[in-house]
Amino acid sequence: MFCTRCGAANADLARFCSGCGSPLDPVAAPIASAPRVYTATPTFRYSGFWRRFVAMMIDGFVFTPIAIALLASTGIFGIILHSGEDFESVGAAMFGLSVLGMLLLLSVGSWLYHTVMESSRYQGTLGKLALGSIVTDLNGQRISFARANGRFFGKWLSGAIFNIGFLMAAFTEKKQALHDIIAGTLVIQK
């Protein structure tokens, strides 16, 4: 073997030139390399369609008493405030206002309930927590408030297409509904 630097002849198994001392085979010389890091793909137990459905029903029971109380109290206060007027016109107006107010309050309340609870340290609503489920990102980490918002408003799309977006959780590999796919989230068992 000949040295590429000085041209001296060397034994075939020599690693360094006998004339100048430079490495003869730079490929064979030990090169410091970064250690290989192998990351395992996280494995999760995904919450299936029926578990998620029951959790949604439990969450619905949280808001039903609030809705009934809002509707009843608004109508009662309207009658008290307008006791000397025609009950039909006042009743219709108050009913309309109470339904509008109730929908607004429940919409804002539902939005805050879901986004705050799912992005909090609890990682799930009361229904999900009762069934041992949590909402995570695709790596199993807690989701941000912004991602929880995307997931919540993605549920509107899931419901707008005849609830097919919700039904997707029964058929996808990671048990993701359409809103989970949109937001990049998983619902897994703790």
Protein backbone atom coordinates (compact mmCIF):
# COMPACT_ATOMS: atom_id res chain seq x y z
CA MET A 1 0.00 0.00 0.00
CA PHE A 2 1.35 3.43 -0.93
CA CYS A 3 0.89 6.60 1.13
CA THR A 4 -1.10 9.23 -0.76
CA ARG A 5 0.77 11.97 1.07
CA CYS A 6 4.44 11.03 0.71
CA GLY A 7 4.30 8.02 -1.68
CA ALA A 8 6.16 5.64 0.68
CA ALA A 9 5.50 1.90 0.39
CA ASN A 10 3.84 0.33 3.44
CA ALA A 11 2.63 -3.11 4.49
CA ASP A 12 -0.94 -3.94 3.38
CA LEU A 13 -2.24 -4.11 6.97
CA ALA A 14 -0.50 -0.93 8.15
CA ARG A 15 -2.79 1.80 9.42
CA PHE A 16 -0.23 4.61 9.39
CA CYS A 17 2.50 5.50 6.91
CA SER A 18 5.99 4.40 8.02
CA GLY A 19 7.46 7.48 6.30
CA CYS A 20 5.25 10.40 7.38
CA GLY A 21 2.87 8.90 9.99
CA SER A 22 -0.36 9.95 8.28
CA PRO A 23 -3.32 7.54 8.23
CA LEU A 24 -3.26 5.23 5.24
CA ASP A 25 -6.95 4.36 5.17
CA PRO A 26 -8.98 7.26 6.55
CA VAL A 27 -12.17 5.19 6.27
CA ALA A 28 -10.75 2.54 8.57
CA ALA A 29 -9.54 5.11 11.08
CA PRO A 30 -11.86 5.37 14.06
CA ILE A 31 -14.20 8.31 13.61
CA ALA A 32 -16.02 9.76 16.54
CA SER A 33 -19.69 9.65 15.73
CA ALA A 34 -22.79 10.65 17.59
CA PRO A 35 -24.38 7.81 19.49
CA ARG A 36 -27.41 6.35 17.83
CA VAL A 37 -30.63 7.20 19.58
CA TYR A 38 -33.55 4.89 19.12
CA THR A 39 -36.91 6.29 20.05
CA ALA A 40 -39.68 3.87 20.72
CA THR A 41 -43.04 4.67 19.27
CA PRO A 42 -45.35 5.21 22.22
CA THR A 43 -48.05 2.60 22.64
CA PHE A 44 -51.38 3.64 24.06
CA ARG A 45 -54.67 2.05 24.97
CA TYR A 46 -57.09 4.11 22.94
CA SER A 47 -60.57 4.95 24.20
CA GLY A 48 -63.09 3.38 21.88
CA PHE A 49 -66.30 4.74 20.46
CA TRP A 50 -68.67 3.52 23.22
CA ARG A 51 -66.49 4.72 26.07
CA ARG A 52 -66.31 8.13 24.43
CA PHE A 53 -70.07 8.11 23.84
CA VAL A 54 -70.78 7.43 27.53
CA ALA A 55 -68.34 10.19 28.52
CA MET A 56 -70.18 12.59 26.22
CA MET A 57 -73.49 11.61 27.86
CA ILE A 58 -72.05 12.28 31.33
CA ASP A 59 -70.84 15.69 30.13
CA GLY A 60 -74.34 16.36 28.78
CA PHE A 61 -75.79 15.71 32.22
CA VAL A 62 -73.53 18.43 33.61
CA PHE A 63 -75.25 21.05 31.47
CA THR A 64 -78.87 19.83 31.52
CA PRO A 65 -79.65 21.13 35.05
CA ILE A 66 -77.99 24.44 34.16
CA ALA A 67 -80.13 24.77 31.03
CA ILE A 68 -83.33 24.00 32.91
CA ALA A 69 -82.46 26.45 35.67
CA LEU A 70 -81.66 29.18 33.14
CA LEU A 71 -84.87 28.65 31.22
CA ALA A 72 -87.03 28.56 34.34
CA SER A 73 -85.40 31.50 36.07
CA THR A 74 -85.51 33.74 33.03
CA GLY A 75 -89.21 33.09 32.51
CA ILE A 76 -90.04 33.60 36.20
CA PHE A 77 -88.08 36.85 36.44
CA GLY A 78 -89.73 38.09 33.26
CA ILE A 79 -93.19 37.51 34.66
CA ILE A 80 -92.29 39.24 37.94
CA LEU A 81 -90.83 42.27 36.15
CA HIS A 82 -93.82 42.64 33.83
CA SER A 83 -96.62 41.55 36.14
CA GLY A 84 -99.10 44.23 35.04
CA GLU A 85 -98.75 43.65 31.30
CA ASP A 86 -100.25 41.24 28.83
CA PHE A 87 -98.84 37.81 29.69
CA GLU A 88 -98.99 36.45 26.14
CA SER A 89 -96.79 39.09 24.54
CA VAL A 90 -94.48 39.32 27.56
CA GLY A 91 -94.33 35.54 27.83
CA ALA A 92 -93.44 35.09 24.16
CA ALA A 93 -90.78 37.80 24.30
CA MET A 94 -89.30 36.50 27.53
CA PHE A 95 -89.33 32.94 26.25
CA GLY A 96 -87.49 34.04 23.11
CA LEU A 97 -84.94 35.99 25.11
CA SER A 98 -84.51 33.18 27.60
CA VAL A 99 -83.90 30.62 24.87
CA LEU A 100 -81.43 32.94 23.12
CA GLY A 101 -79.65 33.72 26.39
CA MET A 102 -79.62 30.08 27.39
CA LEU A 103 -78.11 29.02 24.05
CA LEU A 104 -75.48 31.74 24.25
CA LEU A 105 -74.57 30.92 27.85
CA LEU A 106 -74.53 27.18 27.23
CA SER A 107 -72.42 27.59 24.09
CA VAL A 108 -69.84 29.73 25.87
CA GLY A 109 -70.03 27.53 28.95
CA SER A 110 -69.60 24.34 26.94
CA TRP A 111 -66.69 25.83 25.00
CA LEU A 112 -64.89 26.92 28.19
CA TYR A 113 -65.70 23.67 30.00
CA HIS A 114 -64.22 21.48 27.26
CA THR A 115 -61.22 23.58 26.32
CA VAL A 116 -60.16 24.46 29.86
CA MET A 117 -60.62 20.93 31.23
CA GLU A 118 -58.89 19.19 28.30
CA SER A 119 -55.92 21.54 28.34
CA SER A 120 -55.62 21.51 32.14
CA ARG A 121 -53.61 19.09 34.22
CA TYR A 122 -56.70 16.83 34.30
CA GLN A 123 -56.54 16.42 30.49
CA GLY A 124 -60.22 15.61 30.19
CA THR A 125 -63.78 16.56 30.99
CA LEU A 126 -65.65 15.09 33.95
CA GLY A 127 -67.16 12.42 31.70
CA LYS A 128 -63.78 11.35 30.35
CA LEU A 129 -62.22 11.38 33.80
CA ALA A 130 -65.05 9.24 35.18
CA LEU A 131 -64.21 6.61 32.57
CA GLY A 132 -60.43 6.87 32.93
CA SER A 133 -59.81 8.62 29.61
CA ILE A 134 -57.61 11.63 28.89
CA VAL A 135 -56.97 13.81 25.83
CA THR A 136 -53.37 14.02 24.60
CA ASP A 137 -51.43 15.06 21.55
CA LEU A 138 -50.06 12.35 19.24
CA ASN A 139 -47.06 11.82 21.56
CA GLY A 140 -49.12 11.40 24.71
CA GLN A 141 -48.39 14.91 26.03
CA ARG A 142 -50.87 17.40 27.47
CA ILE A 143 -52.53 19.56 24.82
CA SER A 144 -52.43 23.34 24.72
CA PHE A 145 -55.46 25.61 25.06
CA ALA A 146 -55.18 26.44 21.35
CA ARG A 147 -55.22 22.75 20.38
CA ALA A 148 -58.19 22.18 22.72
CA ASN A 149 -59.98 25.00 20.88
CA GLY A 150 -59.27 23.36 17.54
CA ARG A 151 -60.61 20.09 18.89
CA PHE A 152 -63.76 21.73 20.28
CA PHE A 153 -64.61 23.61 17.08
CA GLY A 154 -63.71 20.53 15.05
CA LYS A 155 -66.60 18.81 16.84
CA TRP A 156 -68.94 21.19 15.01
CA LEU A 157 -67.69 19.74 11.74
CA SER A 158 -67.96 16.19 13.12
CA GLY A 159 -71.60 16.86 13.97
CA ALA A 160 -72.40 18.86 10.83
CA ILE A 161 -71.84 15.85 8.60
CA PHE A 162 -74.61 13.82 10.23
CA ASN A 163 -72.34 12.87 13.18
CA ILE A 164 -70.17 10.76 10.88
CA GLY A 165 -67.14 12.58 12.29
CA PHE A 166 -67.93 11.18 15.74
CA LEU A 167 -68.61 7.71 14.33
CA MET A 168 -65.14 7.64 12.78
CA ALA A 169 -63.77 6.84 16.25
CA ALA A 170 -65.18 3.33 15.85
CA PHE A 171 -63.27 2.66 12.64
CA THR A 172 -59.93 4.47 12.70
CA GLU A 173 -56.73 2.74 13.83
CA LYS A 174 -56.10 5.08 16.77
CA LYS A 175 -59.82 5.47 17.57
CA GLN A 176 -59.74 9.09 16.44
CA ALA A 177 -62.87 11.02 15.56
CA LEU A 178 -62.70 13.62 12.80
CA HIS A 179 -62.09 16.44 15.30
CA ASP A 180 -59.19 14.45 16.81
CA ILE A 181 -57.60 14.03 13.38
CA ILE A 182 -58.04 17.75 12.65
CA ALA A 183 -56.53 18.81 16.00
CA GLY A 184 -53.85 16.09 16.14
CA THR A 185 -55.13 14.60 19.39
CA LEU A 186 -55.79 11.19 20.89
CA VAL A 187 -58.20 10.04 23.58
CA ILE A 188 -56.41 7.33 25.56
CA GLN A 189 -56.87 5.35 28.75
CA LYS A 190 -54.79 6.46 31.72
